PDB file of N, CA and C in Angstrom:
ATOM      1  N   MET A   1     -69.132 127.472  42.721  1.00  0.00           N
ATOM      2  CA  MET A   1     -70.130 128.360  42.045  1.00  0.00           C
ATOM      3  C   MET A   1     -69.431 129.650  41.774  1.00  0.00           C
ATOM      4  N   GLY A   2     -69.653 130.200  40.563  1.00  0.00           N
ATOM      5  CA  GLY A   2     -69.038 131.408  40.205  1.00  0.00           C
ATOM      6  C   GLY A   2     -69.809 132.651  40.800  1.00  0.00           C
ATOM      7  N   LYS A   3     -69.183 133.827  40.709  1.00  0.00           N
ATOM      8  CA  LYS A   3     -69.918 134.998  41.113  1.00  0.00           C
ATOM      9  C   LYS A   3     -69.401 136.241  40.353  1.00  0.00           C
ATOM     10  N   PHE A   4     -70.339 137.158  40.164  1.00  0.00           N
ATOM     11  CA  PHE A   4     -70.030 138.449  39.579  1.00  0.00           C
ATOM     12  C   PHE A   4     -69.820 139.352  40.735  1.00  0.00           C
ATOM     13  N   VAL A   5     -68.567 139.969  40.779  1.00  0.00           N
ATOM     14  CA  VAL A   5     -68.268 140.898  41.830  1.00  0.00           C
ATOM     15  C   VAL A   5     -68.305 142.260  41.231  1.00  0.00           C
ATOM     16  N   ILE A   6     -69.209 143.117  41.685  1.00  0.00           N
ATOM     17  CA  ILE A   6     -69.405 144.437  41.235  1.00  0.00           C
ATOM     18  C   ILE A   6     -68.612 145.410  42.160  1.00  0.00           C
ATOM     19  N   THR A   7     -67.755 146.245  41.523  1.00  0.00           N
ATOM     20  CA  THR A   7     -67.000 147.228  42.268  1.00  0.00           C
ATOM     21  C   THR A   7     -67.064 148.601  41.585  1.00  0.00           C
ATOM     22  N   LYS A   8     -66.590 149.600  42.290  1.00  0.00           N
ATOM     23  CA  LYS A   8     -66.558 150.948  41.712  1.00  0.00           C
ATOM     24  C   LYS A   8     -65.120 151.356  41.487  1.00  0.00           C
ATOM     25  N   ARG A   9     -64.754 151.829  40.347  1.00  0.00           N
ATOM     26  CA  ARG A   9     -63.443 152.309  40.036  1.00  0.00           C
ATOM     27  C   ARG A   9     -63.197 153.662  40.703  1.00  0.00           C
ATOM     28  N   THR A  10     -61.974 154.079  40.715  1.00  0.00           N
ATOM     29  CA  THR A  10     -61.594 155.381  41.284  1.00  0.00           C
ATOM     30  C   THR A  10     -62.229 156.479  40.500  1.00  0.00           C
ATOM     31  N   ASN A  11     -62.527 156.287  39.193  1.00  0.00           N
ATOM     32  CA  ASN A  11     -63.154 157.351  38.404  1.00  0.00           C
ATOM     33  C   ASN A  11     -64.691 157.368  38.544  1.00  0.00           C
ATOM     34  N   GLY A  12     -65.228 156.550  39.421  1.00  0.00           N
ATOM     35  CA  GLY A  12     -66.641 156.492  39.622  1.00  0.00           C
ATOM     36  C   GLY A  12     -67.449 155.474  38.783  1.00  0.00           C
ATOM     37  N   GLU A  13     -66.756 154.871  37.826  1.00  0.00           N
ATOM     38  CA  GLU A  13     -67.430 153.913  36.994  1.00  0.00           C
ATOM     39  C   GLU A  13     -67.593 152.575  37.711  1.00  0.00           C
ATOM     40  N   PHE A  14     -68.604 151.862  37.342  1.00  0.00           N
ATOM     41  CA  PHE A  14     -68.902 150.486  37.898  1.00  0.00           C
ATOM     42  C   PHE A  14     -68.277 149.469  36.940  1.00  0.00           C
ATOM     43  N   GLN A  15     -67.821 148.429  37.505  1.00  0.00           N
ATOM     44  CA  GLN A  15     -67.368 147.229  36.658  1.00  0.00           C
ATOM     45  C   GLN A  15     -67.650 145.968  37.419  1.00  0.00           C
ATOM     46  N   PHE A  16     -67.576 144.852  36.649  1.00  0.00           N
ATOM     47  CA  PHE A  16     -67.692 143.565  37.291  1.00  0.00           C
ATOM     48  C   PHE A  16     -66.585 142.655  36.846  1.00  0.00           C
ATOM     49  N   ASN A  17     -66.283 141.714  37.754  1.00  0.00           N
ATOM     50  CA  ASN A  17     -65.375 140.641  37.398  1.00  0.00           C
ATOM     51  C   ASN A  17     -66.174 139.380  37.650  1.00  0.00           C
ATOM     52  N   LEU A  18     -66.136 138.467  36.708  1.00  0.00           N
ATOM     53  CA  LEU A  18     -66.688 137.077  36.859  1.00  0.00           C
ATOM     54  C   LEU A  18     -65.592 136.243  37.466  1.00  0.00           C
ATOM     55  N   ARG A  19     -65.845 135.688  38.623  1.00  0.00           N
ATOM     56  CA  ARG A  19     -64.919 134.858  39.311  1.00  0.00           C
ATOM     57  C   ARG A  19     -65.402 133.369  39.239  1.00  0.00           C
ATOM     58  N   ALA A  20     -64.493 132.455  39.034  1.00  0.00           N
ATOM     59  CA  ALA A  20     -64.807 131.068  39.107  1.00  0.00           C
ATOM     60  C   ALA A  20     -64.977 130.649  40.568  1.00  0.00           C
ATOM     61  N   GLY A  21     -65.387 129.433  40.780  1.00  0.00           N
ATOM     62  CA  GLY A  21     -65.579 128.915  42.147  1.00  0.00           C
ATOM     63  C   GLY A  21     -64.338 128.998  42.965  1.00  0.00           C
ATOM     64  N   ASN A  22     -63.141 128.961  42.377  1.00  0.00           N
ATOM     65  CA  ASN A  22     -61.915 128.968  43.100  1.00  0.00           C
ATOM     66  C   ASN A  22     -61.430 130.398  43.375  1.00  0.00           C
ATOM     67  N   GLY A  23     -62.262 131.381  42.920  1.00  0.00           N
ATOM     68  CA  GLY A  23     -61.932 132.794  43.170  1.00  0.00           C
ATOM     69  C   GLY A  23     -61.171 133.517  42.039  1.00  0.00           C
ATOM     70  N   GLN A  24     -60.695 132.753  41.082  1.00  0.00           N
ATOM     71  CA  GLN A  24     -59.924 133.323  40.020  1.00  0.00           C
ATOM     72  C   GLN A  24     -60.836 134.147  39.031  1.00  0.00           C
ATOM     73  N   VAL A  25     -60.365 135.293  38.683  1.00  0.00           N
ATOM     74  CA  VAL A  25     -61.056 136.196  37.721  1.00  0.00           C
ATOM     75  C   VAL A  25     -60.961 135.593  36.350  1.00  0.00           C
ATOM     76  N   ILE A  26     -62.167 135.376  35.733  1.00  0.00           N
ATOM     77  CA  ILE A  26     -62.116 134.728  34.373  1.00  0.00           C
ATOM     78  C   ILE A  26     -62.716 135.664  33.326  1.00  0.00           C
ATOM     79  N   LEU A  27     -63.291 136.802  33.723  1.00  0.00           N
ATOM     80  CA  LEU A  27     -63.787 137.791  32.770  1.00  0.00           C
ATOM     81  C   LEU A  27     -63.893 139.124  33.493  1.00  0.00           C
ATOM     82  N   THR A  28     -63.517 140.198  32.864  1.00  0.00           N
ATOM     83  CA  THR A  28     -63.572 141.533  33.391  1.00  0.00           C
ATOM     84  C   THR A  28     -64.324 142.428  32.415  1.00  0.00           C
ATOM     85  N   SER A  29     -65.255 143.218  32.948  1.00  0.00           N
ATOM     86  CA  SER A  29     -66.063 144.082  32.136  1.00  0.00           C
ATOM     87  C   SER A  29     -65.319 145.462  31.841  1.00  0.00           C
ATOM     88  N   GLU A  30     -65.932 146.149  30.958  1.00  0.00           N
ATOM     89  CA  GLU A  30     -65.588 147.576  30.672  1.00  0.00           C
ATOM     90  C   GLU A  30     -66.141 148.397  31.857  1.00  0.00           C
ATOM     91  N   GLY A  31     -65.870 149.674  31.834  1.00  0.00           N
ATOM     92  CA  GLY A  31     -66.510 150.527  32.877  1.00  0.00           C
ATOM     93  C   GLY A  31     -67.897 150.949  32.424  1.00  0.00           C
ATOM     94  N   TYR A  32     -68.800 151.117  33.460  1.00  0.00           N
ATOM     95  CA  TYR A  32     -70.196 151.562  33.264  1.00  0.00           C
ATOM     96  C   TYR A  32     -70.444 152.781  34.025  1.00  0.00           C
ATOM     97  N   THR A  33     -71.190 153.776  33.458  1.00  0.00           N
ATOM     98  CA  THR A  33     -71.437 154.941  34.242  1.00  0.00           C
ATOM     99  C   THR A  33     -72.477 154.828  35.302  1.00  0.00           C
ATOM    100  N   THR A  34     -73.324 153.794  35.245  1.00  0.00           N
ATOM    101  CA  THR A  34     -74.343 153.535  36.260  1.00  0.00           C
ATOM    102  C   THR A  34     -74.347 152.068  36.691  1.00  0.00           C
ATOM    103  N   LYS A  35     -74.870 151.802  37.930  1.00  0.00           N
ATOM    104  CA  LYS A  35     -74.892 150.422  38.388  1.00  0.00           C
ATOM    105  C   LYS A  35     -75.888 149.641  37.595  1.00  0.00           C
ATOM    106  N   ALA A  36     -76.965 150.314  37.160  1.00  0.00           N
ATOM    107  CA  ALA A  36     -77.975 149.672  36.339  1.00  0.00           C
ATOM    108  C   ALA A  36     -77.375 149.149  35.006  1.00  0.00           C
ATOM    109  N   ALA A  37     -76.600 149.937  34.423  1.00  0.00           N
ATOM    110  CA  ALA A  37     -75.902 149.484  33.141  1.00  0.00           C
ATOM    111  C   ALA A  37     -74.976 148.401  33.438  1.00  0.00           C
ATOM    112  N   CYS A  38     -74.251 148.398  34.528  1.00  0.00           N
ATOM    113  CA  CYS A  38     -73.368 147.307  34.923  1.00  0.00           C
ATOM    114  C   CYS A  38     -74.156 145.978  35.156  1.00  0.00           C
ATOM    115  N   LEU A  39     -75.319 146.086  35.815  1.00  0.00           N
ATOM    116  CA  LEU A  39     -76.110 144.891  35.987  1.00  0.00           C
ATOM    117  C   LEU A  39     -76.652 144.369  34.678  1.00  0.00           C
ATOM    118  N   ASN A  40     -76.990 145.278  33.735  1.00  0.00           N
ATOM    119  CA  ASN A  40     -77.368 144.860  32.354  1.00  0.00           C
ATOM    120  C   ASN A  40     -76.249 144.093  31.725  1.00  0.00           C
ATOM    121  N   GLY A  41     -75.018 144.548  31.936  1.00  0.00           N
ATOM    122  CA  GLY A  41     -73.820 143.831  31.429  1.00  0.00           C
ATOM    123  C   GLY A  41     -73.701 142.442  31.952  1.00  0.00           C
ATOM    124  N   VAL A  42     -73.961 142.272  33.243  1.00  0.00           N
ATOM    125  CA  VAL A  42     -73.948 140.978  33.920  1.00  0.00           C
ATOM    126  C   VAL A  42     -74.966 140.038  33.197  1.00  0.00           C
ATOM    127  N   GLU A  43     -76.160 140.551  33.026  1.00  0.00           N
ATOM    128  CA  GLU A  43     -77.216 139.722  32.327  1.00  0.00           C
ATOM    129  C   GLU A  43     -76.792 139.394  30.885  1.00  0.00           C
ATOM    130  N   SER A  44     -76.154 140.304  30.243  1.00  0.00           N
ATOM    131  CA  SER A  44     -75.654 140.035  28.882  1.00  0.00           C
ATOM    132  C   SER A  44     -74.617 138.938  28.856  1.00  0.00           C
ATOM    133  N   VAL A  45     -73.747 138.926  29.890  1.00  0.00           N
ATOM    134  CA  VAL A  45     -72.742 137.843  29.980  1.00  0.00           C
ATOM    135  C   VAL A  45     -73.467 136.539  30.185  1.00  0.00           C
ATOM    136  N   ARG A  46     -74.444 136.490  31.081  1.00  0.00           N
ATOM    137  CA  ARG A  46     -75.167 135.264  31.354  1.00  0.00           C
ATOM    138  C   ARG A  46     -75.707 134.657  30.039  1.00  0.00           C
ATOM    139  N   ILE A  47     -76.347 135.525  29.164  1.00  0.00           N
ATOM    140  CA  ILE A  47     -76.965 135.070  27.919  1.00  0.00           C
ATOM    141  C   ILE A  47     -75.926 134.752  26.904  1.00  0.00           C
ATOM    142  N   ASN A  48     -75.009 135.664  26.608  1.00  0.00           N
ATOM    143  CA  ASN A  48     -74.100 135.526  25.462  1.00  0.00           C
ATOM    144  C   ASN A  48     -73.038 134.488  25.733  1.00  0.00           C
ATOM    145  N   SER A  49     -72.770 134.169  26.989  1.00  0.00           N
ATOM    146  CA  SER A  49     -71.686 133.164  27.248  1.00  0.00           C
ATOM    147  C   SER A  49     -72.112 131.789  26.864  1.00  0.00           C
ATOM    148  N   GLN A  50     -73.396 131.600  26.565  1.00  0.00           N
ATOM    149  CA  GLN A  50     -73.831 130.299  26.112  1.00  0.00           C
ATOM    150  C   GLN A  50     -73.746 130.042  24.645  1.00  0.00           C
ATOM    151  N   ASP A  51     -73.319 131.047  23.910  1.00  0.00           N
ATOM    152  CA  ASP A  51     -73.174 130.985  22.458  1.00  0.00           C
ATOM    153  C   ASP A  51     -71.699 131.092  22.089  1.00  0.00           C
ATOM    154  N   ASP A  52     -71.103 129.995  21.750  1.00  0.00           N
ATOM    155  CA  ASP A  52     -69.659 129.914  21.447  1.00  0.00           C
ATOM    156  C   ASP A  52     -69.252 130.958  20.420  1.00  0.00           C
ATOM    157  N   SER A  53     -70.093 131.307  19.505  1.00  0.00           N
ATOM    158  CA  SER A  53     -69.719 132.286  18.499  1.00  0.00           C
ATOM    159  C   SER A  53     -69.512 133.648  19.023  1.00  0.00           C
ATOM    160  N   ARG A  54     -69.989 133.876  20.249  1.00  0.00           N
ATOM    161  CA  ARG A  54     -69.783 135.234  20.851  1.00  0.00           C
ATOM    162  C   ARG A  54     -68.366 135.399  21.495  1.00  0.00           C
ATOM    163  N   PHE A  55     -67.581 134.345  21.499  1.00  0.00           N
ATOM    164  CA  PHE A  55     -66.229 134.439  22.062  1.00  0.00           C
ATOM    165  C   PHE A  55     -65.254 134.736  20.948  1.00  0.00           C
ATOM    166  N   ASP A  56     -64.636 135.869  21.016  1.00  0.00           N
ATOM    167  CA  ASP A  56     -63.658 136.303  20.070  1.00  0.00           C
ATOM    168  C   ASP A  56     -62.256 135.871  20.570  1.00  0.00           C
ATOM    169  N   ARG A  57     -61.720 134.819  19.957  1.00  0.00           N
ATOM    170  CA  ARG A  57     -60.466 134.309  20.428  1.00  0.00           C
ATOM    171  C   ARG A  57     -59.317 135.142  19.682  1.00  0.00           C
ATOM    172  N   ARG A  58     -58.525 135.781  20.497  1.00  0.00           N
ATOM    173  CA  ARG A  58     -57.521 136.719  20.005  1.00  0.00           C
ATOM    174  C   ARG A  58     -56.126 136.353  20.430  1.00  0.00           C
ATOM    175  N   GLU A  59     -55.140 137.126  19.896  1.00  0.00           N
ATOM    176  CA  GLU A  59     -53.785 137.023  20.342  1.00  0.00           C
ATOM    177  C   GLU A  59     -53.254 138.468  20.435  1.00  0.00           C
ATOM    178  N   SER A  60     -52.601 138.764  21.531  1.00  0.00           N
ATOM    179  CA  SER A  60     -52.029 140.078  21.729  1.00  0.00           C
ATOM    180  C   SER A  60     -50.815 140.259  20.834  1.00  0.00           C
ATOM    181  N   SER A  61     -50.332 141.536  20.769  1.00  0.00           N
ATOM    182  CA  SER A  61     -49.149 141.819  19.956  1.00  0.00           C
ATOM    183  C   SER A  61     -47.883 141.052  20.367  1.00  0.00           C
ATOM    184  N   ASN A  62     -47.849 140.620  21.622  1.00  0.00           N
ATOM    185  CA  ASN A  62     -46.721 139.845  22.037  1.00  0.00           C
ATOM    186  C   ASN A  62     -46.951 138.344  21.985  1.00  0.00           C
ATOM    187  N   GLY A  63     -48.107 137.946  21.322  1.00  0.00           N
ATOM    188  CA  GLY A  63     -48.328 136.538  21.021  1.00  0.00           C
ATOM    189  C   GLY A  63     -49.128 135.826  22.158  1.00  0.00           C
ATOM    190  N   ARG A  64     -49.570 136.500  23.134  1.00  0.00           N
ATOM    191  CA  ARG A  64     -50.271 135.814  24.227  1.00  0.00           C
ATOM    192  C   ARG A  64     -51.818 135.748  23.924  1.00  0.00           C
ATOM    193  N   PRO A  65     -52.374 134.589  24.055  1.00  0.00           N
ATOM    194  CA  PRO A  65     -53.803 134.424  23.743  1.00  0.00           C
ATOM    195  C   PRO A  65     -54.727 135.015  24.837  1.00  0.00           C
ATOM    196  N   TYR A  66     -55.859 135.532  24.401  1.00  0.00           N
ATOM    197  CA  TYR A  66     -56.883 135.992  25.284  1.00  0.00           C
ATOM    198  C   TYR A  66     -58.221 135.928  24.502  1.00  0.00           C
ATOM    199  N   PHE A  67     -59.296 136.373  25.168  1.00  0.00           N
ATOM    200  CA  PHE A  67     -60.592 136.352  24.481  1.00  0.00           C
ATOM    201  C   PHE A  67     -61.397 137.589  24.956  1.00  0.00           C
ATOM    202  N   ASN A  68     -62.300 137.963  24.094  1.00  0.00           N
ATOM    203  CA  ASN A  68     -63.386 138.927  24.436  1.00  0.00           C
ATOM    204  C   ASN A  68     -64.688 138.183  24.211  1.00  0.00           C
ATOM    205  N   LEU A  69     -65.670 138.568  25.102  1.00  0.00           N
ATOM    206  CA  LEU A  69     -67.044 138.090  24.951  1.00  0.00           C
ATOM    207  C   LEU A  69     -67.786 139.277  24.352  1.00  0.00           C
ATOM    208  N   ARG A  70     -68.467 138.995  23.264  1.00  0.00           N
ATOM    209  CA  ARG A  70     -69.294 140.063  22.628  1.00  0.00           C
ATOM    210  C   ARG A  70     -70.767 139.810  22.674  1.00  0.00           C
ATOM    211  N   ALA A  71     -71.483 140.936  22.719  1.00  0.00           N
ATOM    212  CA  ALA A  71     -72.956 140.871  22.686  1.00  0.00           C
ATOM    213  C   ALA A  71     -73.405 140.656  21.242  1.00  0.00           C
ATOM    214  N   SER A  72     -74.689 140.490  21.045  1.00  0.00           N
ATOM    215  CA  SER A  72     -75.211 140.244  19.701  1.00  0.00           C
ATOM    216  C   SER A  72     -74.955 141.461  18.761  1.00  0.00           C
ATOM    217  N   ASN A  73     -74.848 142.605  19.320  1.00  0.00           N
ATOM    218  CA  ASN A  73     -74.558 143.854  18.534  1.00  0.00           C
ATOM    219  C   ASN A  73     -73.041 144.038  18.253  1.00  0.00           C
ATOM    220  N   GLY A  74     -72.260 143.152  18.703  1.00  0.00           N
ATOM    221  CA  GLY A  74     -70.780 143.185  18.481  1.00  0.00           C
ATOM    222  C   GLY A  74     -70.004 143.843  19.555  1.00  0.00           C
ATOM    223  N   GLN A  75     -70.679 144.496  20.493  1.00  0.00           N
ATOM    224  CA  GLN A  75     -69.975 145.246  21.548  1.00  0.00           C
ATOM    225  C   GLN A  75     -69.316 144.253  22.544  1.00  0.00           C
ATOM    226  N   ILE A  76     -68.071 144.591  22.923  1.00  0.00           N
ATOM    227  CA  ILE A  76     -67.384 143.789  23.929  1.00  0.00           C
ATOM    228  C   ILE A  76     -67.960 143.990  25.275  1.00  0.00           C
ATOM    229  N   ILE A  77     -68.383 142.880  25.957  1.00  0.00           N
ATOM    230  CA  ILE A  77     -68.987 142.974  27.278  1.00  0.00           C
ATOM    231  C   ILE A  77     -68.045 142.436  28.357  1.00  0.00           C
ATOM    232  N   GLY A  78     -66.974 141.817  27.924  1.00  0.00           N
ATOM    233  CA  GLY A  78     -66.019 141.323  28.898  1.00  0.00           C
ATOM    234  C   GLY A  78     -64.792 140.789  28.162  1.00  0.00           C
ATOM    235  N   SER A  79     -63.642 140.901  28.912  1.00  0.00           N
ATOM    236  CA  SER A  79     -62.380 140.466  28.382  1.00  0.00           C
ATOM    237  C   SER A  79     -61.646 139.561  29.390  1.00  0.00           C
ATOM    238  N   SER A  80     -60.835 138.635  28.841  1.00  0.00           N
ATOM    239  CA  SER A  80     -60.069 137.728  29.734  1.00  0.00           C
ATOM    240  C   SER A  80     -58.719 138.311  30.108  1.00  0.00           C
ATOM    241  N   GLU A  81     -58.025 137.589  30.970  1.00  0.00           N
ATOM    242  CA  GLU A  81     -56.649 137.943  31.149  1.00  0.00           C
ATOM    243  C   GLU A  81     -55.829 137.428  30.005  1.00  0.00           C
ATOM    244  N   MET A  82     -54.514 137.706  29.974  1.00  0.00           N
ATOM    245  CA  MET A  82     -53.660 137.152  28.966  1.00  0.00           C
ATOM    246  C   MET A  82     -53.211 135.758  29.438  1.00  0.00           C
ATOM    247  N   TYR A  83     -53.260 134.801  28.574  1.00  0.00           N
ATOM    248  CA  TYR A  83     -52.916 133.422  28.853  1.00  0.00           C
ATOM    249  C   TYR A  83     -51.548 133.115  28.271  1.00  0.00           C
ATOM    250  N   GLU A  84     -50.979 132.006  28.784  1.00  0.00           N
ATOM    251  CA  GLU A  84     -49.677 131.565  28.246  1.00  0.00           C
ATOM    252  C   GLU A  84     -49.846 130.707  27.014  1.00  0.00           C
ATOM    253  N   THR A  85     -50.962 129.928  26.948  1.00  0.00           N
ATOM    254  CA  THR A  85     -51.207 129.039  25.836  1.00  0.00           C
ATOM    255  C   THR A  85     -52.662 129.159  25.287  1.00  0.00           C
ATOM    256  N   THR A  86     -52.932 128.712  24.080  1.00  0.00           N
ATOM    257  CA  THR A  86     -54.291 128.685  23.554  1.00  0.00           C
ATOM    258  C   THR A  86     -55.146 127.763  24.311  1.00  0.00           C
ATOM    259  N   SER A  87     -54.517 126.632  24.801  1.00  0.00           N
ATOM    260  CA  SER A  87     -55.253 125.637  25.602  1.00  0.00           C
ATOM    261  C   SER A  87     -55.789 126.299  26.912  1.00  0.00           C
ATOM    262  N   ALA A  88     -54.924 127.013  27.567  1.00  0.00           N
ATOM    263  CA  ALA A  88     -55.360 127.747  28.749  1.00  0.00           C
ATOM    264  C   ALA A  88     -56.475 128.792  28.459  1.00  0.00           C
ATOM    265  N   ARG A  89     -56.357 129.478  27.355  1.00  0.00           N
ATOM    266  CA  ARG A  89     -57.400 130.391  26.950  1.00  0.00           C
ATOM    267  C   ARG A  89     -58.713 129.663  26.745  1.00  0.00           C
ATOM    268  N   ASP A  90     -58.651 128.580  26.061  1.00  0.00           N
ATOM    269  CA  ASP A  90     -59.894 127.831  25.783  1.00  0.00           C
ATOM    270  C   ASP A  90     -60.497 127.231  27.039  1.00  0.00           C
ATOM    271  N   SER A  91     -59.688 126.910  28.061  1.00  0.00           N
ATOM    272  CA  SER A  91     -60.183 126.493  29.387  1.00  0.00           C
ATOM    273  C   SER A  91     -60.863 127.666  30.060  1.00  0.00           C
ATOM    274  N   GLY A  92     -60.282 128.866  29.863  1.00  0.00           N
ATOM    275  CA  GLY A  92     -60.888 130.060  30.456  1.00  0.00           C
ATOM    276  C   GLY A  92     -62.298 130.267  29.872  1.00  0.00           C
ATOM    277  N   ILE A  93     -62.444 130.124  28.527  1.00  0.00           N
ATOM    278  CA  ILE A  93     -63.732 130.223  27.872  1.00  0.00           C
ATOM    279  C   ILE A  93     -64.738 129.189  28.440  1.00  0.00           C
ATOM    280  N   ALA A  94     -64.238 127.930  28.567  1.00  0.00           N
ATOM    281  CA  ALA A  94     -65.146 126.914  29.121  1.00  0.00           C
ATOM    282  C   ALA A  94     -65.557 127.235  30.546  1.00  0.00           C
ATOM    283  N   SER A  95     -64.692 127.854  31.303  1.00  0.00           N
ATOM    284  CA  SER A  95     -65.027 128.221  32.647  1.00  0.00           C
ATOM    285  C   SER A  95     -66.100 129.349  32.693  1.00  0.00           C
ATOM    286  N   VAL A  96     -65.998 130.323  31.744  1.00  0.00           N
ATOM    287  CA  VAL A  96     -66.990 131.335  31.650  1.00  0.00           C
ATOM    288  C   VAL A  96     -68.395 130.688  31.314  1.00  0.00           C
ATOM    289  N   LYS A  97     -68.367 129.749  30.353  1.00  0.00           N
ATOM    290  CA  LYS A  97     -69.645 129.095  29.960  1.00  0.00           C
ATOM    291  C   LYS A  97     -70.300 128.399  31.141  1.00  0.00           C
ATOM    292  N   VAL A  98     -69.479 127.781  31.984  1.00  0.00           N
ATOM    293  CA  VAL A  98     -70.009 127.007  33.068  1.00  0.00           C
ATOM    294  C   VAL A  98     -70.457 127.906  34.245  1.00  0.00           C
ATOM    295  N   ASN A  99     -69.688 128.937  34.560  1.00  0.00           N
ATOM    296  CA  ASN A  99     -69.865 129.711  35.713  1.00  0.00           C
ATOM    297  C   ASN A  99     -70.875 130.853  35.535  1.00  0.00           C
ATOM    298  N   ALA A 100     -70.988 131.453  34.349  1.00  0.00           N
ATOM    299  CA  ALA A 100     -71.779 132.645  34.166  1.00  0.00           C
ATOM    300  C   ALA A 100     -73.260 132.476  34.408  1.00  0.00           C
ATOM    301  N   PRO A 101     -73.906 131.443  33.902  1.00  0.00           N
ATOM    302  CA  PRO A 101     -75.386 131.407  33.935  1.00  0.00           C
ATOM    303  C   PRO A 101     -75.936 131.420  35.367  1.00  0.00           C
ATOM    304  N   ASP A 102     -75.324 130.778  36.303  1.00  0.00           N
ATOM    305  CA  ASP A 102     -75.875 130.695  37.711  1.00  0.00           C
ATOM    306  C   ASP A 102     -75.050 131.435  38.701  1.00  0.00           C
ATOM    307  N   ALA A 103     -74.116 132.264  38.231  1.00  0.00           N
ATOM    308  CA  ALA A 103     -73.238 133.002  39.211  1.00  0.00           C
ATOM    309  C   ALA A 103     -74.022 133.958  40.015  1.00  0.00           C
ATOM    310  N   ILE A 104     -73.777 134.046  41.323  1.00  0.00           N
ATOM    311  CA  ILE A 104     -74.408 134.980  42.189  1.00  0.00           C
ATOM    312  C   ILE A 104     -73.762 136.398  41.938  1.00  0.00           C
ATOM    313  N   ILE A 105     -74.472 137.396  42.416  1.00  0.00           N
ATOM    314  CA  ILE A 105     -73.960 138.774  42.264  1.00  0.00           C
ATOM    315  C   ILE A 105     -73.550 139.189  43.635  1.00  0.00           C
ATOM    316  N   ASP A 106     -72.280 139.590  43.777  1.00  0.00           N
ATOM    317  CA  ASP A 106     -71.678 140.182  44.977  1.00  0.00           C
ATOM    318  C   ASP A 106     -71.409 141.673  44.759  1.00  0.00           C
ATOM    319  N   ASP A 107     -72.364 142.470  45.162  1.00  0.00           N
ATOM    320  CA  ASP A 107     -72.290 143.948  44.988  1.00  0.00           C
ATOM    321  C   ASP A 107     -71.479 144.577  46.092  1.00  0.00           C
ATOM    322  N   GLN A 108     -70.287 144.942  45.799  1.00  0.00           N
ATOM    323  CA  GLN A 108     -69.351 145.561  46.789  1.00  0.00           C
ATOM    324  C   GLN A 108     -69.368 147.069  46.780  1.00  0.00           C
ATOM    325  N   THR A 109     -70.409 147.650  46.127  1.00  0.00           N
ATOM    326  CA  THR A 109     -70.467 149.100  45.971  1.00  0.00           C
ATOM    327  C   THR A 109     -71.369 149.758  47.077  1.00  0.00           C
ATOM    328  N   SER A 110     -72.110 148.964  47.747  1.00  0.00           N
ATOM    329  CA  SER A 110     -73.045 149.588  48.739  1.00  0.00           C
ATOM    330  C   SER A 110     -72.482 149.678  50.107  1.00  0.00           C
TER     331      SER A 110
END
């Protein structure tokens, strides 16, 4: 089972990482100024991860594939790591789709 791990950055912003059942980070959020906004981001990932059109499949300037997950308003709510192949990136997207809906929340900020 996946989990959303919420942490606080050194600049005071909150962020989450979605981890697969094996512990690997499969999606990282932007920074949020409040924990409430971060939790809203988690809920947005749960919802938007079920719509394949919300996954923006990209390639970095050095040719490495990655993806962004976008909300219905177009805002990026999470980004992946850089992958070696498009097949690995697509597996990462599939993992987000499977893990996000029922992932527990592990709040490490309290």
